[in-house]
Amino acid sequence: MAQESERREGLDEQAVLLAAGLADLAVSTVGSALGTVRGLLRRADTAELAAEAGHDLLARGRLVLDRYALPPAHLEILAGHARTRRAADER
């Protein structure tokens, strides 16, 4: 019975230490992120930097979708080319 009690206290202590470690990690990460944001806001080219970040995120999203999405069927691609040619010929 005493061993079970000691083991439970050891697990409780580990859980508390783990929670404290995670909390410390979260606080330091948020602090670091806020410092980075403050530094970015002081820059003169903030709008340019934000636009660039937006373009990067769009490109990243496109890559992710291309990587995990199913490719279009070959006949659908050919049909699209045919529609495009037909529309160009009608002009």
Protein backbone atom coordinates (compact mmCIF):
# COMPACT_ATOMS: atom_id res chain seq x y z
CA MET A 1 0.00 0.00 0.00
CA ALA A 2 2.84 2.39 0.86
CA GLN A 3 4.53 1.71 -2.51
CA GLU A 4 1.32 2.50 -4.38
CA SER A 5 0.98 5.76 -2.47
CA GLU A 6 4.60 6.73 -3.25
CA ARG A 7 4.14 5.83 -6.92
CA ARG A 8 0.98 7.96 -7.11
CA GLU A 9 2.79 10.90 -5.50
CA GLY A 10 5.62 10.47 -8.00
CA LEU A 11 3.16 10.54 -10.90
CA ASP A 12 1.38 13.57 -9.44
CA GLU A 13 4.71 15.36 -9.08
CA GLN A 14 5.64 14.51 -12.68
CA ALA A 15 2.29 15.83 -13.90
CA VAL A 16 2.79 19.09 -12.01
CA LEU A 17 6.35 19.45 -13.33
CA LEU A 18 5.18 18.74 -16.87
CA ALA A 19 2.38 21.32 -16.62
CA ALA A 20 4.82 23.90 -15.20
CA GLY A 21 7.28 23.21 -18.00
CA LEU A 22 4.60 23.58 -20.66
CA ALA A 23 3.38 26.83 -19.10
CA ASP A 24 6.91 28.22 -19.03
CA LEU A 25 7.42 27.24 -22.67
CA ALA A 26 4.15 28.93 -23.67
CA VAL A 27 5.03 32.14 -21.81
CA SER A 28 8.51 32.34 -23.31
CA THR A 29 7.16 31.65 -26.81
CA VAL A 30 4.49 34.34 -26.49
CA GLY A 31 7.07 36.77 -25.12
CA SER A 32 9.40 36.08 -28.00
CA ALA A 33 6.58 36.46 -30.53
CA LEU A 34 5.54 39.81 -29.01
CA GLY A 35 9.12 41.04 -29.21
CA THR A 36 9.27 40.07 -32.87
CA VAL A 37 5.95 41.82 -33.59
CA ARG A 38 7.13 44.97 -31.82
CA GLY A 39 10.29 44.95 -33.92
CA LEU A 40 8.29 44.52 -37.11
CA LEU A 41 5.95 47.38 -36.25
CA ARG A 42 8.91 49.73 -35.89
CA ARG A 43 10.07 49.05 -39.44
CA ALA A 44 9.33 51.57 -42.17
CA ASP A 45 8.47 48.90 -44.75
CA THR A 46 5.79 47.17 -42.66
CA ALA A 47 3.15 47.29 -45.42
CA GLU A 48 5.59 45.81 -47.93
CA LEU A 49 6.57 43.13 -45.45
CA ALA A 50 2.92 42.25 -44.76
CA ALA A 51 2.16 42.01 -48.50
CA GLU A 52 5.17 39.77 -48.99
CA ALA A 53 4.05 37.56 -46.10
CA GLY A 54 0.59 37.34 -47.66
CA HIS A 55 2.06 36.22 -50.98
CA ASP A 56 4.21 33.67 -49.19
CA LEU A 57 1.19 32.27 -47.35
CA LEU A 58 -0.79 32.00 -50.59
CA ALA A 59 2.08 30.16 -52.28
CA ARG A 60 2.43 27.88 -49.26
CA GLY A 61 -1.29 27.12 -49.32
CA ARG A 62 -1.13 26.35 -53.04
CA LEU A 63 1.74 23.94 -52.43
CA VAL A 64 -0.15 22.18 -49.63
CA LEU A 65 -3.26 21.79 -51.77
CA ASP A 66 -1.20 20.53 -54.70
CA ARG A 67 0.54 18.04 -52.46
CA TYR A 68 -2.56 16.55 -50.85
CA ALA A 69 -5.34 17.13 -53.38
CA LEU A 70 -6.23 14.60 -56.00
CA PRO A 71 -4.96 15.61 -59.43
CA PRO A 72 -7.63 16.46 -61.99
CA ALA A 73 -8.60 13.70 -64.36
CA HIS A 74 -6.75 13.70 -67.68
CA LEU A 75 -9.95 13.95 -69.74
CA GLU A 76 -11.09 16.96 -67.69
CA ILE A 77 -7.84 18.73 -68.53
CA LEU A 78 -8.27 17.95 -72.23
CA ALA A 79 -11.88 19.16 -72.16
CA GLY A 80 -10.74 22.42 -70.57
CA HIS A 81 -8.16 22.93 -73.33
CA ALA A 82 -10.81 22.23 -75.97
CA ARG A 83 -13.20 24.79 -74.39
CA THR A 84 -10.45 27.37 -74.32
CA ARG A 85 -9.58 26.78 -77.99
CA ARG A 86 -13.24 26.89 -79.01
CA ALA A 87 -13.76 30.17 -77.14
CA ALA A 88 -10.65 31.64 -78.81
CA ASP A 89 -11.81 30.51 -82.27
CA GLU A 90 -15.27 32.06 -81.80
CA ARG A 91 -13.80 35.53 -81.19
